[in-house]
Amino acid sequence: MTDRTTDIERRRLLGYAGATGVTALAGCLFGEETTDDEGDGDENATDSDESDSEETEPEESTDDGSTTTVRLLHDTHLHGSMGSPDEALNVANYFGLMDDLAADAPDGNALVVGNGDDLHTSVESSVFDGGHIVSLFNAAPLEYDTYGNHEFDNGPASLRENVADSEFTWVSANVCDERTGDVFAAEDGAERYAVEEIGGVRFGITGLAPADTPEVSSVGDHVDVLEPETAAADVVGELRDEGADVVVLLSHLASPVAEDLVAAVDGIDVAVGDHAAVVRDEPMAVNDTVVSLVGDEFDYVGRLDLEVGSDGLVDHSFRRFDLAELVENGDVTPHEEVQSLLESYEADLEAELDVVIGETTEPLDVRTETVRREESNFGNWLTDVVRADLEADVALQNGGGIRSDELYPAGDISRRTIVDILPFPNRTVKLEVSGATLREAIELGVSAVAEGHGRFSQVSGMAYAYDPNAPAGERVAAISVGGEPLETDATYELATNDFVAGGGDGYEMFADSDVLVPADEGTLLSALAIEAIQEAEVIGPETEGRIEIV
């Protein structure tokens, strides 16, 4: 493996236009702010079932001049998760693979980058406030990251502290402090862009956050998120003026938005990362820009070998690495320092899980026989929290997503209790659905109650009655929303989780619904529940006739 310190010292940071002067003001202060919706992608979307793409070799250059190959390894988008030391998909294996790939780069020319949404949202994030990710990334070969919408989940003060503690560099072309006109947290080390020489090639590196970040996260009073296309055009021009041979965009835009952007903005050579976690076998070519998408979290690492000549990027080759498969085959050595930190954080997390976060005045009923057949007071409370968080008309939670099969007595609630009840990494989603679709969903939920199926619907903002002895598909006797009968032709905003929204447990009627808040802009269910209990301090969930058996 390469020595990270030696590798970074080998490179020379050439400079950036940043904290002062007209260029910084032009890039941030005078951009046009918009609220474009960039969240139409599916969190778990993939364009292929292939687990590991075949490597494509660069074509022979038609330029008679010499070329240099630089290896770009991407990206992160970890949502604050570390993974378990006992599982293949964890941060130590992830960066161990990246480190090995960097060490094998031609002439040692490698650049490791992320694409944001790394600090939050996870149970670990609720305990460590994102600092665990910064420490892990500091130990890893990562050199640049950008702001995603979830970086602001705990507010701007928290993000500033994490930026200040980062030994890698945060770059963003469109997340600005309105008071200075500069990039957010510039005084803590963030930059609008960086120019770095690698193997004699000058790389310009910047990033973009979704335009609707202020609407889906907690940016505070002084953060402007500029319209991405305008911000990108400004920064790319400055990077070319700085002498950048290759411009790399760390993108936290949804892939359709990113494709439109690189088609409209000349001068971006490579864009990596995706807000919507799309996975592609091969990079796309859009307006001479290489766009590479490898999903999110620990599933894949993307390797782009960029061949650069005197006129810039000449060619590229690509391979996507399946981490779980490589670990299973014994082809990955965990990053030693990251592994040590992971184990330490895991031990601390175990201790923190037993910390009391609030109390309940009522026993919490999450028994399987309850959540998969009838109204549960915890199901009521959880769906109320999700509906309020997403400001939806109604909410639906599959009973199978509520685990532990316990009746917890009234009294203290610990983080561990919530993690035991909500162990899956499901995130909240908001959909627009018709009344007819909602009725179809409730019918599905009660279609297999005799078998104790996990599709049974716990709900908020609505109520229903069903006859378990009627034929499946004809069991729902009545449905009301907000106290009024369900209108089949009406449109409702539904809050649920990404598993259900994607058709899990048979909820295929939701798969084609308009997505108002995708999972990547949502919140981990367990983290949302923990936060709600901490804020309330005392809860007292009750049943109130939302689900009636007739």
Protein backbone atom coordinates (compact mmCIF):
# COMPACT_ATOMS: atom_id res chain seq x y z
CA MET A 1 0.00 0.00 0.00
CA THR A 2 1.07 3.56 -0.57
CA ASP A 3 2.01 5.75 2.33
CA ARG A 4 -0.63 8.48 2.40
CA THR A 5 1.70 11.15 3.80
CA THR A 6 4.39 10.44 1.24
CA ASP A 7 1.82 10.35 -1.56
CA ILE A 8 0.37 13.74 -0.65
CA GLU A 9 3.79 15.33 -0.15
CA ARG A 10 4.74 14.12 -3.63
CA ARG A 11 2.11 16.41 -5.07
CA ARG A 12 2.15 20.18 -5.19
CA LEU A 13 -0.97 22.23 -4.65
CA LEU A 14 -0.79 24.93 -7.29
CA GLY A 15 -3.42 27.27 -5.94
CA TYR A 16 -7.04 28.31 -6.18
CA ALA A 17 -9.14 31.44 -6.50
CA GLY A 18 -10.89 31.60 -3.18
CA ALA A 19 -11.11 33.61 -0.06
CA THR A 20 -10.58 37.10 -1.39
CA GLY A 21 -10.87 39.09 -4.56
CA VAL A 22 -13.24 39.53 -7.43
CA THR A 23 -13.14 35.95 -8.67
CA ALA A 24 -14.52 34.56 -5.42
CA LEU A 25 -17.29 37.13 -5.34
CA ALA A 26 -18.18 36.47 -8.96
CA GLY A 27 -18.40 32.76 -8.33
CA CYS A 28 -20.56 32.80 -5.21
CA LEU A 29 -22.10 36.16 -4.44
CA PHE A 30 -23.50 36.90 -7.86
CA GLY A 31 -24.80 33.43 -8.80
CA GLU A 32 -28.53 33.03 -9.29
CA GLU A 33 -30.19 30.94 -6.63
CA THR A 34 -32.93 28.54 -7.66
CA THR A 35 -34.95 25.76 -6.08
CA ASP A 36 -34.87 23.30 -8.94
CA ASP A 37 -36.05 19.85 -7.96
CA GLU A 38 -33.14 17.47 -8.43
CA GLY A 39 -34.50 14.51 -6.53
CA ASP A 40 -36.26 12.48 -9.19
CA GLY A 41 -33.79 9.59 -9.03
CA ASP A 42 -34.38 6.36 -7.19
CA GLU A 43 -32.00 5.83 -4.28
CA ASN A 44 -31.33 2.26 -5.30
CA ALA A 45 -31.59 2.69 -9.05
CA THR A 46 -29.31 0.69 -11.28
CA ASP A 47 -28.98 0.36 -15.00
CA SER A 48 -27.52 -3.12 -14.76
CA ASP A 49 -27.62 -6.32 -12.75
CA GLU A 50 -23.91 -6.85 -13.37
CA SER A 51 -21.88 -6.86 -10.16
CA ASP A 52 -18.52 -6.03 -11.71
CA SER A 53 -18.09 -4.39 -15.08
CA GLU A 54 -15.49 -5.59 -17.52
CA GLU A 55 -12.51 -3.36 -17.97
CA THR A 56 -12.36 -1.27 -21.14
CA GLU A 57 -8.94 -0.32 -22.43
CA PRO A 58 -8.12 3.16 -23.76
CA GLU A 59 -7.81 3.45 -27.50
CA GLU A 60 -4.52 4.39 -29.08
CA SER A 61 -4.05 8.13 -29.12
CA THR A 62 -3.91 9.76 -32.51
CA ASP A 63 -1.72 12.48 -31.01
CA ASP A 64 1.96 12.00 -31.77
CA GLY A 65 2.86 13.65 -28.46
CA SER A 66 3.40 11.79 -25.23
CA THR A 67 0.57 11.14 -22.78
CA THR A 68 0.31 10.64 -19.03
CA THR A 69 -2.11 8.27 -17.32
CA VAL A 70 -3.64 9.35 -14.01
CA ARG A 71 -5.90 7.02 -12.03
CA LEU A 72 -9.07 8.56 -10.59
CA LEU A 73 -10.74 6.48 -7.86
CA HIS A 74 -14.30 7.36 -6.86
CA ASP A 75 -16.50 7.91 -4.84
CA THR A 76 -17.97 7.93 -1.33
CA HIS A 77 -21.62 8.90 -0.50
CA LEU A 78 -21.59 6.84 2.71
CA HIS A 79 -24.52 8.50 4.57
CA GLY A 80 -22.54 8.46 7.81
CA SER A 81 -22.30 4.67 7.86
CA MET A 82 -19.13 2.78 8.79
CA GLY A 83 -20.29 -0.78 8.31
CA SER A 84 -19.50 -3.54 10.76
CA PRO A 85 -15.93 -4.83 11.22
CA ASP A 86 -17.37 -8.33 10.85
CA GLU A 87 -18.96 -7.67 7.45
CA ALA A 88 -17.49 -7.33 3.98
CA LEU A 89 -19.10 -3.97 3.28
CA ASN A 90 -17.31 -1.65 5.67
CA VAL A 91 -15.18 1.45 5.45
CA ALA A 92 -11.89 -0.35 6.18
CA ASN A 93 -12.32 -2.75 3.27
CA TYR A 94 -13.55 0.07 1.06
CA PHE A 95 -10.48 2.21 1.58
CA GLY A 96 -8.22 -0.83 1.63
CA LEU A 97 -9.35 -1.52 -1.92
CA MET A 98 -8.90 2.12 -2.91
CA ASP A 99 -5.43 2.17 -1.37
CA ASP A 100 -4.39 -0.95 -3.29
CA LEU A 101 -5.74 0.48 -6.55
CA ALA A 102 -3.92 3.75 -5.92
CA ALA A 103 -0.68 1.90 -5.23
CA ASP A 104 -0.99 0.12 -8.58
CA ALA A 105 -1.60 3.34 -10.52
CA PRO A 106 0.73 3.99 -13.47
CA ASP A 107 3.82 5.79 -12.13
CA GLY A 108 1.98 6.25 -8.83
CA ASN A 109 -0.33 8.85 -10.38
CA ALA A 110 -3.58 8.54 -8.44
CA LEU A 111 -6.36 10.81 -7.18
CA VAL A 112 -9.03 9.60 -4.70
CA VAL A 113 -12.26 11.60 -4.44
CA GLY A 114 -15.70 11.52 -2.83
CA ASN A 115 -19.02 13.08 -3.81
CA GLY A 116 -20.74 14.13 -0.59
CA ASP A 117 -23.56 12.90 1.66
CA ASP A 118 -20.86 11.34 3.82
CA LEU A 119 -21.36 12.81 7.31
CA HIS A 120 -25.03 11.91 7.83
CA THR A 121 -27.55 10.28 8.24
CA SER A 122 -27.03 7.15 10.33
CA VAL A 123 -27.23 5.96 13.90
CA GLU A 124 -23.48 6.54 14.09
CA SER A 125 -24.02 10.11 12.96
CA SER A 126 -26.58 10.69 15.69
CA VAL A 127 -23.94 9.61 18.21
CA PHE A 128 -20.75 11.12 16.75
CA ASP A 129 -22.19 14.13 14.87
CA GLY A 130 -20.33 13.20 11.68
CA GLY A 131 -16.92 13.36 13.35
CA HIS A 132 -16.43 9.62 12.95
CA ILE A 133 -16.48 9.96 9.16
CA VAL A 134 -13.99 12.82 9.22
CA SER A 135 -11.57 10.76 11.32
CA LEU A 136 -11.94 7.75 9.05
CA PHE A 137 -11.49 9.85 5.92
CA ASN A 138 -8.44 11.55 7.43
CA ALA A 139 -6.82 8.13 7.79
CA ALA A 140 -7.90 7.02 4.32
CA PRO A 141 -6.38 7.94 0.94
CA LEU A 142 -9.28 10.33 0.21
CA GLU A 143 -8.06 13.77 -0.88
CA TYR A 144 -11.18 15.71 -1.94
CA ASP A 145 -14.85 15.63 -1.05
CA THR A 146 -17.82 17.91 -1.72
CA TYR A 147 -20.97 18.95 0.09
CA GLY A 148 -24.12 16.91 -0.43
CA ASN A 149 -27.46 17.88 1.07
CA HIS A 150 -26.97 15.59 4.09
CA GLU A 151 -23.77 17.36 5.18
CA PHE A 152 -26.07 20.04 6.67
CA ASP A 153 -28.37 17.66 8.56
CA ASN A 154 -27.03 18.76 11.94
CA GLY A 155 -26.80 22.41 10.96
CA PRO A 156 -24.04 24.70 9.68
CA ALA A 157 -22.12 24.94 12.98
CA SER A 158 -21.68 21.16 13.08
CA LEU A 159 -20.50 21.09 9.46
CA ARG A 160 -18.00 23.89 10.09
CA GLU A 161 -16.45 21.89 12.92
CA ASN A 162 -16.17 18.82 10.72
CA VAL A 163 -14.62 20.82 7.87
CA ALA A 164 -12.09 22.32 10.29
CA ASP A 165 -11.13 18.83 11.49
CA SER A 166 -10.72 17.48 7.95
CA GLU A 167 -7.24 16.77 6.58
CA PHE A 168 -8.71 16.22 3.13
CA THR A 169 -10.17 19.20 1.25
CA TRP A 170 -13.84 20.06 0.85
CA VAL A 171 -14.57 21.74 -2.51
CA SER A 172 -17.83 23.29 -3.70
CA ALA A 173 -18.66 25.66 -6.53
CA ASN A 174 -22.19 26.45 -5.38
CA VAL A 175 -22.45 26.24 -1.57
CA CYS A 176 -21.62 29.74 -0.35
CA ASP A 177 -21.69 31.94 2.72
CA GLU A 178 -23.85 34.92 1.76
CA ARG A 179 -22.00 37.13 4.25
CA THR A 180 -18.65 36.75 2.51
CA GLY A 181 -19.56 35.58 -0.99
CA ASP A 182 -17.04 32.77 -0.55
CA VAL A 183 -17.47 29.03 -0.29
CA PHE A 184 -19.13 27.88 2.93
CA ALA A 185 -16.53 27.25 5.67
CA ALA A 186 -13.70 28.83 3.68
CA GLU A 187 -12.15 29.99 6.94
CA ASP A 188 -12.11 26.35 8.05
CA GLY A 189 -10.32 25.10 4.94
CA ALA A 190 -13.03 24.59 2.32
CA GLU A 191 -12.29 25.82 -1.22
CA ARG A 192 -14.39 26.65 -4.26
CA TYR A 193 -11.94 24.60 -6.25
CA ALA A 194 -8.39 23.30 -6.15
CA VAL A 195 -5.72 22.86 -8.80
CA GLU A 196 -3.28 20.03 -8.18
CA GLU A 197 -0.43 18.69 -10.28
CA ILE A 198 -0.26 14.93 -10.65
CA GLY A 199 2.37 13.41 -12.92
CA GLY A 200 2.85 16.76 -14.60
CA VAL A 201 -0.89 17.12 -15.29
CA ARG A 202 -2.75 20.04 -13.71
CA PHE A 203 -6.08 18.77 -12.33
CA GLY A 204 -8.85 21.22 -11.49
CA ILE A 205 -11.27 19.82 -8.91
CA THR A 206 -14.60 21.26 -7.79
CA GLY A 207 -18.00 20.02 -6.61
CA LEU A 208 -21.73 20.73 -6.74
CA ALA A 209 -24.57 20.22 -4.25
CA PRO A 210 -28.25 19.89 -5.24
CA ALA A 211 -29.99 23.23 -5.75
CA ASP A 212 -32.75 22.24 -3.32
CA THR A 213 -30.36 21.58 -0.42
CA PRO A 214 -31.84 24.46 1.64
CA GLU A 215 -35.28 22.88 1.33
CA VAL A 216 -34.29 19.37 2.40
CA SER A 217 -31.61 20.04 5.00
CA SER A 218 -30.69 22.53 7.76
CA VAL A 219 -28.39 25.06 6.10
CA GLY A 220 -29.15 27.89 8.53
CA ASP A 221 -29.59 31.60 7.83
CA HIS A 222 -26.47 32.49 5.86
CA VAL A 223 -25.93 29.70 3.34
CA ASP A 224 -26.70 30.22 -0.33
CA VAL A 225 -26.84 27.27 -2.71
CA LEU A 226 -26.37 28.66 -6.18
CA GLU A 227 -27.94 27.34 -9.35
CA PRO A 228 -25.49 24.57 -10.30
CA GLU A 229 -25.13 25.36 -14.01
CA THR A 230 -24.20 29.01 -13.45
CA ALA A 231 -21.85 28.17 -10.60
CA ALA A 232 -20.17 25.42 -12.62
CA ALA A 233 -19.65 27.66 -15.64
CA ASP A 234 -18.00 30.32 -13.47
CA VAL A 235 -15.64 27.90 -11.75
CA VAL A 236 -14.72 25.96 -14.88
CA GLY A 237 -13.72 29.23 -16.54
CA GLU A 238 -11.53 30.12 -13.58
CA LEU A 239 -9.97 26.65 -13.54
CA ARG A 240 -9.04 26.94 -17.21
CA ASP A 241 -7.59 30.39 -16.52
CA GLU A 242 -5.53 28.77 -13.74
CA GLY A 243 -4.10 26.38 -16.33
CA ALA A 244 -6.06 23.23 -15.47
CA ASP A 245 -5.45 20.52 -18.07
CA VAL A 246 -8.29 18.33 -16.79
CA VAL A 247 -11.40 19.51 -14.89
CA VAL A 248 -13.04 17.00 -12.53
CA LEU A 249 -16.51 17.58 -11.07
CA LEU A 250 -17.46 15.83 -7.82
CA SER A 251 -21.18 15.70 -8.45
CA HIS A 252 -23.92 15.37 -5.90
CA LEU A 253 -26.54 16.17 -8.50
CA ALA A 254 -29.08 13.58 -9.59
CA SER A 255 -27.71 12.00 -12.74
CA PRO A 256 -30.30 13.46 -15.17
CA VAL A 257 -29.53 16.94 -13.82
CA ALA A 258 -25.79 16.32 -14.06
CA GLU A 259 -26.15 15.11 -17.65
CA ASP A 260 -28.01 18.29 -18.58
CA LEU A 261 -25.41 20.38 -16.79
CA VAL A 262 -22.34 18.92 -18.49
CA ALA A 263 -24.16 19.16 -21.82
CA ALA A 264 -24.65 22.89 -21.20
CA VAL A 265 -21.31 23.77 -19.56
CA ASP A 266 -18.22 23.33 -21.71
CA GLY A 267 -14.90 22.40 -20.18
CA ILE A 268 -15.81 19.66 -17.68
CA ASP A 269 -13.75 16.59 -18.57
CA VAL A 270 -14.94 14.15 -15.90
CA ALA A 271 -17.98 14.07 -13.59
CA VAL A 272 -18.21 11.41 -10.89
CA GLY A 273 -20.91 10.66 -8.34
CA ASP A 274 -24.68 10.77 -8.25
CA HIS A 275 -27.27 12.13 -5.82
CA ALA A 276 -29.65 9.30 -6.73
CA ALA A 277 -27.15 6.42 -6.40
CA VAL A 278 -27.49 5.16 -9.97
CA VAL A 279 -25.03 2.44 -11.02
CA ARG A 280 -23.80 2.12 -14.61
CA ASP A 281 -21.60 -0.53 -16.19
CA GLU A 282 -19.72 2.07 -18.18
CA PRO A 283 -19.29 5.84 -18.03
CA MET A 284 -21.42 7.93 -20.36
CA ALA A 285 -20.03 10.47 -22.79
CA VAL A 286 -21.98 13.73 -22.64
CA ASN A 287 -20.60 16.79 -24.47
CA ASP A 288 -17.09 15.30 -24.34
CA THR A 289 -17.51 14.77 -20.58
CA VAL A 290 -16.93 11.35 -19.04
CA VAL A 291 -19.78 10.78 -16.52
CA SER A 292 -19.17 7.83 -14.18
CA LEU A 293 -21.79 6.55 -11.72
CA VAL A 294 -21.09 3.76 -9.22
CA GLY A 295 -23.96 4.07 -6.73
CA ASP A 296 -23.50 4.84 -3.05
CA GLU A 297 -22.13 3.44 0.20
CA PHE A 298 -19.76 0.46 0.03
CA ASP A 299 -21.01 -1.64 -2.87
CA TYR A 300 -18.67 -0.43 -5.61
CA VAL A 301 -15.44 1.45 -6.26
CA GLY A 302 -14.99 3.13 -9.62
CA ARG A 303 -11.57 3.26 -11.31
CA LEU A 304 -11.04 5.66 -14.18
CA ASP A 305 -7.61 5.64 -15.80
CA LEU A 306 -7.39 8.97 -17.61
CA GLU A 307 -4.97 9.37 -20.49
CA VAL A 308 -3.95 13.01 -20.79
CA GLY A 309 -2.00 14.59 -23.63
CA SER A 310 -0.95 18.10 -24.55
CA ASP A 311 -4.53 18.96 -25.53
CA GLY A 312 -6.08 17.58 -22.36
CA LEU A 313 -8.01 14.35 -21.85
CA VAL A 314 -7.34 11.96 -24.74
CA ASP A 315 -8.94 8.70 -23.61
CA HIS A 316 -9.97 6.68 -20.57
CA SER A 317 -10.48 3.13 -19.36
CA PHE A 318 -12.89 2.11 -16.62
CA ARG A 319 -13.59 -0.72 -14.22
CA ARG A 320 -16.15 -1.03 -11.45
CA PHE A 321 -15.08 -3.17 -8.49
CA ASP A 322 -17.62 -5.18 -6.45
CA LEU A 323 -16.34 -4.93 -2.88
CA ALA A 324 -18.33 -7.82 -1.37
CA GLU A 325 -17.21 -10.18 -4.13
CA LEU A 326 -13.55 -9.18 -3.76
CA VAL A 327 -13.63 -9.57 0.03
CA GLU A 328 -15.28 -12.97 -0.30
CA ASN A 329 -12.50 -14.03 -2.67
CA GLY A 330 -9.82 -12.81 -0.29
CA ASP A 331 -8.65 -10.09 -2.67
CA VAL A 332 -8.95 -7.13 -0.27
CA THR A 333 -6.76 -6.20 2.68
CA PRO A 334 -8.49 -3.79 5.07
CA HIS A 335 -6.86 -0.38 5.43
CA GLU A 336 -4.95 -0.86 8.68
CA GLU A 337 -5.46 2.58 10.24
CA VAL A 338 -9.08 2.81 9.13
CA GLN A 339 -9.70 -0.68 10.51
CA SER A 340 -8.32 0.32 13.89
CA LEU A 341 -10.51 3.41 14.00
CA LEU A 342 -13.55 1.43 12.87
CA GLU A 343 -13.10 -1.05 15.70
CA SER A 344 -12.65 1.77 18.19
CA TYR A 345 -15.78 3.59 17.00
CA GLU A 346 -17.72 0.34 17.03
CA ALA A 347 -16.78 -0.18 20.69
CA ASP A 348 -17.77 3.41 21.52
CA LEU A 349 -21.01 2.98 19.59
CA GLU A 350 -21.88 -0.12 21.58
CA ALA A 351 -21.47 1.89 24.77
CA GLU A 352 -23.43 4.84 23.38
CA LEU A 353 -26.31 2.62 22.28
CA ASP A 354 -27.05 1.91 25.92
CA VAL A 355 -27.44 5.63 26.66
CA VAL A 356 -30.96 6.69 27.68
CA ILE A 357 -32.43 9.16 25.16
CA GLY A 358 -35.91 9.63 26.65
CA GLU A 359 -38.80 7.80 28.23
CA THR A 360 -42.23 6.45 27.39
CA THR A 361 -45.26 6.64 29.65
CA GLU A 362 -46.85 3.72 27.81
CA PRO A 363 -45.52 0.24 26.98
CA LEU A 364 -44.25 0.12 23.39
CA ASP A 365 -45.96 -2.70 21.52
CA VAL A 366 -43.79 -4.01 18.70
CA ARG A 367 -44.81 -7.64 19.05
CA THR A 368 -44.93 -9.36 15.68
CA GLU A 369 -48.53 -10.49 16.27
CA THR A 370 -49.48 -6.82 16.69
CA VAL A 371 -47.52 -4.95 14.02
CA ARG A 372 -48.43 -7.52 11.35
CA ARG A 373 -52.14 -7.74 12.12
CA GLU A 374 -53.52 -4.74 14.02
CA GLU A 375 -52.90 -1.21 15.17
CA SER A 376 -49.68 -0.78 17.17
CA ASN A 377 -49.10 2.22 19.40
CA PHE A 378 -45.45 2.30 18.29
CA GLY A 379 -46.59 2.00 14.66
CA ASN A 380 -48.81 5.02 15.24
CA TRP A 381 -46.01 7.02 16.81
CA LEU A 382 -43.46 6.11 14.13
CA THR A 383 -45.73 6.90 11.20
CA ASP A 384 -46.72 10.18 12.86
CA VAL A 385 -43.04 11.13 13.14
CA VAL A 386 -42.35 10.23 9.51
CA ARG A 387 -45.45 12.05 8.23
CA ALA A 388 -44.58 15.20 10.19
CA ASP A 389 -40.95 15.13 9.08
CA LEU A 390 -41.91 14.95 5.39
CA GLU A 391 -45.01 17.15 5.76
CA ALA A 392 -47.15 14.55 4.02
CA ASP A 393 -50.90 13.91 4.06
CA VAL A 394 -50.57 10.29 5.12
CA ALA A 395 -47.87 7.83 6.11
CA LEU A 396 -47.52 4.07 5.74
CA GLN A 397 -44.98 1.75 7.36
CA ASN A 398 -44.80 -1.96 6.63
CA GLY A 399 -45.12 -3.95 9.84
CA GLY A 400 -42.25 -6.18 8.77
CA GLY A 401 -39.91 -3.22 9.10
CA ILE A 402 -40.72 -3.00 12.83
CA ARG A 403 -38.73 -5.73 14.57
CA SER A 404 -37.61 -7.17 17.93
CA ASP A 405 -41.02 -8.78 18.75
CA GLU A 406 -41.14 -7.20 22.21
CA LEU A 407 -43.56 -5.40 24.50
CA TYR A 408 -41.25 -2.82 26.07
CA PRO A 409 -42.43 -1.63 29.48
CA ALA A 410 -43.03 2.03 30.23
CA GLY A 411 -39.87 3.77 31.34
CA ASP A 412 -36.53 4.70 29.87
CA ILE A 413 -35.79 4.35 26.16
CA SER A 414 -32.21 3.79 24.99
CA ARG A 415 -30.72 4.18 21.53
CA ARG A 416 -30.28 0.41 21.51
CA THR A 417 -34.04 -0.06 21.92
CA ILE A 418 -34.73 1.95 18.78
CA VAL A 419 -31.97 0.27 16.77
CA ASP A 420 -33.36 -3.13 17.81
CA ILE A 421 -36.85 -2.10 16.72
CA LEU A 422 -35.67 -0.45 13.46
CA PRO A 423 -32.56 -2.40 12.43
CA PHE A 424 -32.84 -1.96 8.66
CA PRO A 425 -31.09 0.89 6.81
CA ASN A 426 -34.40 2.20 5.44
CA ARG A 427 -34.76 5.90 4.65
CA THR A 428 -37.84 8.05 4.39
CA VAL A 429 -39.43 8.83 1.02
CA LYS A 430 -42.37 11.01 -0.02
CA LEU A 431 -44.52 10.02 -3.00
CA GLU A 432 -47.49 11.51 -4.79
CA VAL A 433 -50.19 8.86 -5.16
CA SER A 434 -53.82 8.69 -6.16
CA GLY A 435 -56.59 7.61 -3.83
CA ALA A 436 -57.03 4.51 -5.96
CA THR A 437 -53.37 3.61 -5.49
CA LEU A 438 -53.63 4.17 -1.76
CA ARG A 439 -56.64 1.85 -1.57
CA GLU A 440 -54.75 -0.78 -3.55
CA ALA A 441 -51.87 -0.49 -1.09
CA ILE A 442 -54.08 -0.95 1.97
CA GLU A 443 -55.72 -3.98 0.33
CA LEU A 444 -52.27 -5.42 -0.24
CA GLY A 445 -51.34 -4.77 3.39
CA VAL A 446 -54.19 -6.92 4.71
CA SER A 447 -53.99 -9.57 1.98
CA ALA A 448 -51.86 -12.02 3.98
CA VAL A 449 -52.62 -11.31 7.63
CA ALA A 450 -53.31 -14.99 8.32
CA GLU A 451 -49.71 -15.74 7.35
CA GLY A 452 -48.36 -12.87 9.46
CA HIS A 453 -46.84 -11.19 6.41
CA GLY A 454 -44.70 -8.10 6.98
CA ARG A 455 -46.61 -6.09 4.34
CA PHE A 456 -49.32 -5.19 6.89
CA SER A 457 -49.73 -1.38 6.97
CA GLN A 458 -49.26 0.78 10.06
CA VAL A 459 -50.58 4.23 9.16
CA SER A 460 -50.80 7.92 10.05
CA GLY A 461 -53.19 10.61 8.80
CA MET A 462 -55.65 7.92 7.78
CA ALA A 463 -57.69 5.06 9.15
CA TYR A 464 -59.10 1.85 7.71
CA ALA A 465 -61.28 -1.10 8.60
CA TYR A 466 -60.84 -4.59 7.22
CA ASP A 467 -62.39 -8.06 7.38
CA PRO A 468 -59.70 -10.76 7.62
CA ASN A 469 -62.24 -13.41 6.59
CA ALA A 470 -63.16 -11.75 3.30
CA PRO A 471 -61.35 -12.78 0.09
CA ALA A 472 -57.92 -11.19 -0.37
CA GLY A 473 -58.29 -8.05 -2.44
CA GLU A 474 -61.79 -7.44 -1.03
CA ARG A 475 -61.04 -7.12 2.66
CA VAL A 476 -60.97 -3.34 3.13
CA ALA A 477 -64.37 -2.12 4.30
CA ALA A 478 -63.57 1.58 4.68
CA ILE A 479 -60.71 4.06 4.38
CA SER A 480 -60.63 7.66 5.56
CA VAL A 481 -57.98 10.36 5.20
CA GLY A 482 -58.01 13.25 7.64
CA GLY A 483 -61.39 12.09 8.88
CA GLU A 484 -62.98 12.16 5.42
CA PRO A 485 -63.68 9.19 3.13
CA LEU A 486 -60.85 8.38 0.74
CA GLU A 487 -61.41 9.86 -2.71
CA THR A 488 -60.14 7.51 -5.39
CA ASP A 489 -59.63 10.34 -7.89
CA ALA A 490 -57.86 12.62 -5.41
CA THR A 491 -54.08 12.98 -5.09
CA TYR A 492 -52.33 12.47 -1.77
CA GLU A 493 -48.79 12.96 -0.52
CA LEU A 494 -47.60 9.71 1.06
CA ALA A 495 -44.66 9.35 3.45
CA THR A 496 -43.13 5.89 3.62
CA ASN A 497 -39.74 4.17 3.51
CA ASP A 498 -37.54 3.43 0.50
CA PHE A 499 -38.16 -0.32 0.72
CA VAL A 500 -41.91 0.10 0.34
CA ALA A 501 -41.55 2.93 -2.19
CA GLY A 502 -39.42 0.67 -4.37
CA GLY A 503 -42.04 -2.09 -4.44
CA GLY A 504 -40.79 -4.11 -1.45
CA ASP A 505 -43.23 -6.45 0.34
CA GLY A 506 -45.33 -6.39 -2.82
CA TYR A 507 -46.06 -2.65 -2.88
CA GLU A 508 -45.46 -2.54 -6.61
CA MET A 509 -48.26 -0.01 -7.05
CA PHE A 510 -45.85 2.64 -5.68
CA ALA A 511 -42.95 1.87 -8.00
CA ASP A 512 -44.10 4.28 -10.73
CA SER A 513 -45.33 7.05 -8.41
CA ASP A 514 -43.95 10.56 -8.65
CA VAL A 515 -41.15 10.93 -6.11
CA LEU A 516 -41.39 14.20 -4.16
CA VAL A 517 -38.61 13.43 -1.69
CA PRO A 518 -36.25 10.59 -2.73
CA ALA A 519 -34.49 8.40 -0.21
CA ASP A 520 -31.24 10.29 -0.64
CA GLU A 521 -32.97 13.39 0.72
CA GLY A 522 -34.79 11.42 3.39
CA THR A 523 -33.60 10.27 6.79
CA LEU A 524 -32.63 6.89 8.21
CA LEU A 525 -35.70 5.69 10.10
CA SER A 526 -33.82 4.75 13.26
CA ALA A 527 -31.94 8.06 13.31
CA LEU A 528 -35.20 9.99 12.81
CA ALA A 529 -36.86 8.07 15.65
CA ILE A 530 -33.91 8.66 17.99
CA GLU A 531 -33.91 12.37 17.22
CA ALA A 532 -37.68 12.61 17.77
CA ILE A 533 -37.44 10.94 21.19
CA GLN A 534 -34.51 13.13 22.22
CA GLU A 535 -36.45 16.26 21.26
CA ALA A 536 -39.68 15.17 22.95
CA GLU A 537 -37.91 13.70 26.03
CA VAL A 538 -41.16 11.91 26.96
CA ILE A 539 -43.52 10.07 24.60
CA GLY A 540 -46.79 8.26 25.30
CA PRO A 541 -47.97 6.45 22.16
CA GLU A 542 -51.54 5.16 22.17
CA THR A 543 -53.87 3.28 19.86
CA GLU A 544 -56.80 5.37 18.70
CA GLY A 545 -58.84 3.36 16.23
CA ARG A 546 -56.76 3.88 13.11
CA ILE A 547 -57.08 0.19 12.20
CA GLU A 548 -60.32 -1.64 12.90
CA ILE A 549 -60.93 -5.35 12.44
CA VAL A 550 -64.56 -6.02 11.49
